[in-house]
């Protein structure tokens, strides 16, 4: 992300109003329309597929410690993923 100089694009009155709150500091201005997480990359797909793989591996008999090592995640993260996958499957089965 590159920076844009506010004094080059904002009207003087608006810049002075902003300077009342932040003067000489970096400020993040969010987009008007918030994008869904992962919509700009394949990250959402990657993590969904990884989490499904973790759940299938668990169902085949791997324990938390083995999954933790295999996927380079903490055991707590593996527990959270397994819990979320169970909920997702239960929700899916409720709709079918």
N, C-alpha and C. Protein backbone atom coordinates (compact mmCIF):
# COMPACT_ATOMS: atom_id res chain seq x y z
N UNK A 1 0.85 -1.16 0.00
CA UNK A 1 0.00 0.00 0.00
C UNK A 1 0.90 1.24 0.00
N UNK A 2 0.64 2.15 -0.93
CA UNK A 2 1.43 3.37 -0.96
C UNK A 2 0.64 4.50 -0.30
N UNK A 3 1.36 5.49 0.15
CA UNK A 3 0.74 6.61 0.84
C UNK A 3 0.40 7.72 -0.14
N UNK A 4 -0.67 8.41 0.16
CA UNK A 4 -1.09 9.57 -0.62
C UNK A 4 -1.02 10.76 0.32
N UNK A 5 -0.43 11.84 -0.16
CA UNK A 5 -0.33 13.04 0.68
C UNK A 5 -1.68 13.75 0.71
N UNK A 6 -2.20 13.87 1.93
CA UNK A 6 -3.53 14.44 2.11
C UNK A 6 -3.61 15.86 1.56
N UNK A 7 -2.53 16.65 1.73
CA UNK A 7 -2.58 18.04 1.27
C UNK A 7 -2.59 18.15 -0.26
N UNK A 8 -2.34 17.05 -0.94
CA UNK A 8 -2.38 17.06 -2.40
C UNK A 8 -3.75 16.66 -2.94
N UNK A 9 -4.59 16.03 -2.11
CA UNK A 9 -5.88 15.57 -2.64
C UNK A 9 -7.10 16.11 -1.89
N UNK A 10 -6.92 16.53 -0.64
CA UNK A 10 -8.08 16.99 0.14
C UNK A 10 -8.21 18.50 0.08
N UNK A 11 -9.45 18.99 0.10
CA UNK A 11 -9.64 20.44 0.19
C UNK A 11 -9.04 20.96 1.50
N UNK A 12 -8.53 22.19 1.46
CA UNK A 12 -7.85 22.78 2.62
C UNK A 12 -8.73 22.75 3.87
N UNK A 13 -10.01 23.05 3.73
CA UNK A 13 -10.92 23.08 4.88
C UNK A 13 -11.06 21.69 5.51
N UNK A 14 -11.15 20.67 4.68
CA UNK A 14 -11.28 19.31 5.18
C UNK A 14 -9.99 18.87 5.88
N UNK A 15 -8.86 19.20 5.27
CA UNK A 15 -7.57 18.86 5.87
C UNK A 15 -7.41 19.52 7.24
N UNK A 16 -7.80 20.77 7.35
CA UNK A 16 -7.71 21.47 8.63
C UNK A 16 -8.64 20.84 9.67
N UNK A 17 -9.81 20.39 9.24
CA UNK A 17 -10.74 19.74 10.17
C UNK A 17 -10.15 18.42 10.66
N UNK A 18 -9.54 17.66 9.79
CA UNK A 18 -8.91 16.38 10.18
C UNK A 18 -7.75 16.63 11.12
N UNK A 19 -6.99 17.70 10.86
CA UNK A 19 -5.82 18.01 11.70
C UNK A 19 -6.21 18.35 13.13
N UNK A 20 -7.46 18.67 13.37
CA UNK A 20 -7.91 18.90 14.74
C UNK A 20 -7.88 17.60 15.54
N UNK A 21 -7.98 16.48 14.86
CA UNK A 21 -8.02 15.16 15.52
C UNK A 21 -6.68 14.44 15.43
N UNK A 22 -6.06 14.49 14.28
CA UNK A 22 -4.75 13.86 14.09
C UNK A 22 -3.89 14.83 13.30
N UNK A 23 -2.75 15.17 13.85
CA UNK A 23 -1.87 16.14 13.22
C UNK A 23 -0.49 15.53 13.05
N UNK A 24 -0.11 15.27 11.81
CA UNK A 24 1.20 14.70 11.55
C UNK A 24 1.31 13.22 11.84
N UNK A 25 0.18 12.53 11.99
CA UNK A 25 0.18 11.10 12.27
C UNK A 25 -0.41 10.35 11.07
N UNK A 26 -0.08 9.05 11.01
CA UNK A 26 -0.68 8.22 9.98
C UNK A 26 -2.10 7.89 10.37
N UNK A 27 -2.97 7.88 9.39
CA UNK A 27 -4.37 7.54 9.65
C UNK A 27 -4.84 6.62 8.53
N UNK A 28 -5.59 5.59 8.90
CA UNK A 28 -6.15 4.67 7.93
C UNK A 28 -7.58 5.07 7.66
N UNK A 29 -7.92 5.20 6.40
CA UNK A 29 -9.30 5.51 6.02
C UNK A 29 -9.85 4.28 5.31
N UNK A 30 -10.84 3.62 5.91
CA UNK A 30 -11.36 2.39 5.32
C UNK A 30 -12.14 2.65 4.03
N UNK A 31 -12.28 1.61 3.24
CA UNK A 31 -13.07 1.68 2.01
C UNK A 31 -14.53 1.91 2.35
N UNK A 32 -15.26 2.52 1.44
CA UNK A 32 -16.69 2.74 1.65
C UNK A 32 -17.42 1.43 1.83
N UNK A 33 -17.14 0.49 0.94
CA UNK A 33 -17.78 -0.81 1.01
C UNK A 33 -16.77 -1.83 1.49
N UNK A 34 -17.04 -2.38 2.65
CA UNK A 34 -16.12 -3.35 3.23
C UNK A 34 -16.20 -4.66 2.45
N UNK A 35 -15.03 -5.16 2.08
CA UNK A 35 -14.97 -6.43 1.36
C UNK A 35 -14.94 -7.57 2.37
N UNK A 36 -15.51 -8.68 1.97
CA UNK A 36 -15.48 -9.86 2.81
C UNK A 36 -14.05 -10.37 2.89
N UNK A 37 -13.64 -10.85 4.08
CA UNK A 37 -12.29 -11.34 4.28
C UNK A 37 -11.97 -12.42 3.26
N UNK A 38 -10.80 -12.31 2.63
CA UNK A 38 -10.34 -13.32 1.69
C UNK A 38 -10.88 -13.17 0.29
N UNK A 39 -11.72 -12.17 0.05
CA UNK A 39 -12.33 -12.03 -1.27
C UNK A 39 -11.31 -11.60 -2.33
N UNK A 40 -10.23 -10.97 -1.93
CA UNK A 40 -9.23 -10.52 -2.89
C UNK A 40 -8.12 -11.53 -3.14
N UNK A 41 -8.13 -12.62 -2.40
CA UNK A 41 -7.08 -13.64 -2.55
C UNK A 41 -7.71 -15.02 -2.48
N UNK A 42 -6.88 -16.03 -2.55
CA UNK A 42 -7.36 -17.41 -2.40
C UNK A 42 -7.26 -17.90 -0.96
N UNK A 43 -6.99 -17.01 -0.03
CA UNK A 43 -6.78 -17.39 1.37
C UNK A 43 -7.99 -18.11 1.96
N UNK A 44 -9.17 -17.60 1.68
CA UNK A 44 -10.39 -18.20 2.23
C UNK A 44 -10.53 -19.65 1.77
N UNK A 45 -10.27 -19.89 0.50
CA UNK A 45 -10.35 -21.25 -0.05
C UNK A 45 -9.26 -22.12 0.56
N UNK A 46 -8.04 -21.58 0.66
CA UNK A 46 -6.92 -22.33 1.23
C UNK A 46 -7.24 -22.81 2.64
N UNK A 47 -7.70 -21.89 3.51
CA UNK A 47 -7.97 -22.24 4.90
C UNK A 47 -9.17 -23.17 5.03
N UNK A 48 -10.20 -22.98 4.20
CA UNK A 48 -11.34 -23.89 4.25
C UNK A 48 -10.91 -25.31 3.90
N UNK A 49 -10.13 -25.45 2.81
CA UNK A 49 -9.67 -26.77 2.40
C UNK A 49 -8.73 -27.39 3.43
N UNK A 50 -7.83 -26.56 4.00
CA UNK A 50 -6.93 -27.06 5.04
C UNK A 50 -7.71 -27.56 6.25
N UNK A 51 -8.69 -26.80 6.68
CA UNK A 51 -9.48 -27.18 7.85
C UNK A 51 -10.29 -28.46 7.59
N UNK A 52 -10.80 -28.61 6.38
CA UNK A 52 -11.50 -29.84 6.02
C UNK A 52 -10.54 -31.03 6.03
N UNK A 53 -9.31 -30.81 5.56
CA UNK A 53 -8.29 -31.86 5.57
C UNK A 53 -7.95 -32.26 7.00
N UNK A 54 -7.83 -31.28 7.88
CA UNK A 54 -7.55 -31.55 9.29
C UNK A 54 -8.67 -32.41 9.88
N UNK A 55 -9.90 -32.06 9.61
CA UNK A 55 -11.03 -32.80 10.16
C UNK A 55 -11.06 -34.23 9.63
N UNK A 56 -10.84 -34.40 8.32
CA UNK A 56 -10.83 -35.76 7.75
C UNK A 56 -9.71 -36.59 8.35
N UNK A 57 -8.53 -35.98 8.53
CA UNK A 57 -7.40 -36.68 9.12
C UNK A 57 -7.70 -37.10 10.56
N UNK A 58 -8.38 -36.22 11.30
CA UNK A 58 -8.80 -36.53 12.66
C UNK A 58 -9.78 -37.71 12.67
N UNK A 59 -10.71 -37.70 11.73
CA UNK A 59 -11.69 -38.78 11.66
C UNK A 59 -11.03 -40.12 11.35
N UNK A 60 -9.91 -40.08 10.65
CA UNK A 60 -9.18 -41.32 10.32
C UNK A 60 -8.32 -41.80 11.48
N UNK A 61 -8.31 -41.07 12.61
CA UNK A 61 -7.63 -41.57 13.79
C UNK A 61 -6.45 -40.78 14.29
N UNK A 62 -6.07 -39.69 13.62
CA UNK A 62 -4.96 -38.88 14.13
C UNK A 62 -5.39 -38.13 15.38
N UNK A 63 -4.46 -37.98 16.31
CA UNK A 63 -4.79 -37.23 17.54
C UNK A 63 -4.33 -35.78 17.42
N UNK A 64 -4.62 -34.99 18.45
CA UNK A 64 -4.30 -33.56 18.43
C UNK A 64 -2.82 -33.30 18.22
N UNK A 65 -1.99 -34.05 18.93
CA UNK A 65 -0.54 -33.85 18.85
C UNK A 65 -0.04 -34.11 17.42
N UNK A 66 -0.52 -35.19 16.80
CA UNK A 66 -0.12 -35.52 15.44
C UNK A 66 -0.59 -34.46 14.45
N UNK A 67 -1.82 -34.01 14.61
CA UNK A 67 -2.35 -32.97 13.73
C UNK A 67 -1.59 -31.66 13.91
N UNK A 68 -1.27 -31.35 15.15
CA UNK A 68 -0.52 -30.14 15.45
C UNK A 68 0.82 -30.13 14.73
N UNK A 69 1.52 -31.24 14.79
CA UNK A 69 2.81 -31.35 14.12
C UNK A 69 2.66 -31.32 12.60
N UNK A 70 1.70 -32.08 12.10
CA UNK A 70 1.52 -32.21 10.65
C UNK A 70 1.13 -30.89 9.98
N UNK A 71 0.33 -30.08 10.68
CA UNK A 71 -0.17 -28.84 10.08
C UNK A 71 0.49 -27.59 10.65
N UNK A 72 1.51 -27.78 11.51
CA UNK A 72 2.25 -26.65 12.10
C UNK A 72 1.32 -25.65 12.80
N UNK A 73 0.40 -26.20 13.59
CA UNK A 73 -0.52 -25.38 14.37
C UNK A 73 -0.49 -25.84 15.81
N UNK A 74 -0.91 -24.97 16.72
CA UNK A 74 -0.99 -25.37 18.12
C UNK A 74 -2.14 -26.34 18.30
N UNK A 75 -2.07 -27.12 19.37
CA UNK A 75 -3.15 -28.05 19.66
C UNK A 75 -4.46 -27.29 19.90
N UNK A 76 -4.37 -26.12 20.50
CA UNK A 76 -5.56 -25.30 20.73
C UNK A 76 -6.20 -24.88 19.41
N UNK A 77 -5.37 -24.53 18.42
CA UNK A 77 -5.89 -24.17 17.11
C UNK A 77 -6.56 -25.37 16.44
N UNK A 78 -5.96 -26.53 16.59
CA UNK A 78 -6.55 -27.75 16.02
C UNK A 78 -7.90 -28.02 16.68
N UNK A 79 -7.97 -27.86 18.00
CA UNK A 79 -9.25 -28.06 18.71
C UNK A 79 -10.32 -27.11 18.18
N UNK A 80 -9.95 -25.85 17.98
CA UNK A 80 -10.90 -24.86 17.47
C UNK A 80 -11.38 -25.24 16.07
N UNK A 81 -10.45 -25.67 15.23
CA UNK A 81 -10.80 -26.06 13.86
C UNK A 81 -11.74 -27.26 13.88
N UNK A 82 -11.43 -28.25 14.70
CA UNK A 82 -12.29 -29.44 14.78
C UNK A 82 -13.69 -29.07 15.26
N UNK A 83 -13.75 -28.20 16.25
CA UNK A 83 -15.03 -27.74 16.78
C UNK A 83 -15.82 -27.03 15.68
N UNK A 84 -15.17 -26.11 14.97
CA UNK A 84 -15.83 -25.36 13.91
C UNK A 84 -16.30 -26.27 12.78
N UNK A 85 -15.50 -27.27 12.44
CA UNK A 85 -15.87 -28.21 11.38
C UNK A 85 -17.09 -29.04 11.79
N UNK A 86 -17.11 -29.47 13.06
CA UNK A 86 -18.27 -30.22 13.55
C UNK A 86 -19.53 -29.37 13.45
N UNK A 87 -19.43 -28.12 13.87
CA UNK A 87 -20.58 -27.21 13.80
C UNK A 87 -21.04 -27.00 12.36
N UNK A 88 -20.08 -26.81 11.47
CA UNK A 88 -20.41 -26.59 10.06
C UNK A 88 -21.12 -27.81 9.48
N UNK A 89 -20.64 -29.00 9.82
CA UNK A 89 -21.27 -30.22 9.32
C UNK A 89 -22.67 -30.39 9.90
N UNK A 90 -22.82 -30.07 11.17
CA UNK A 90 -24.14 -30.17 11.81
C UNK A 90 -25.11 -29.19 11.17
N UNK A 91 -24.65 -27.99 10.89
CA UNK A 91 -25.49 -26.97 10.26
C UNK A 91 -25.87 -27.39 8.85
N UNK A 92 -24.89 -27.93 8.11
CA UNK A 92 -25.17 -28.39 6.74
C UNK A 92 -26.19 -29.51 6.74
N UNK A 93 -26.08 -30.44 7.68
CA UNK A 93 -27.00 -31.56 7.71
C UNK A 93 -28.41 -31.13 8.13
N UNK A 94 -28.51 -30.02 8.86
CA UNK A 94 -29.82 -29.50 9.25
C UNK A 94 -30.58 -28.95 8.04
N UNK A 95 -29.84 -28.47 7.05
CA UNK A 95 -30.46 -27.87 5.87
C UNK A 95 -30.76 -28.89 4.79
N UNK A 96 -30.23 -30.10 4.90
CA UNK A 96 -30.42 -31.11 3.84
C UNK A 96 -31.36 -32.19 4.30
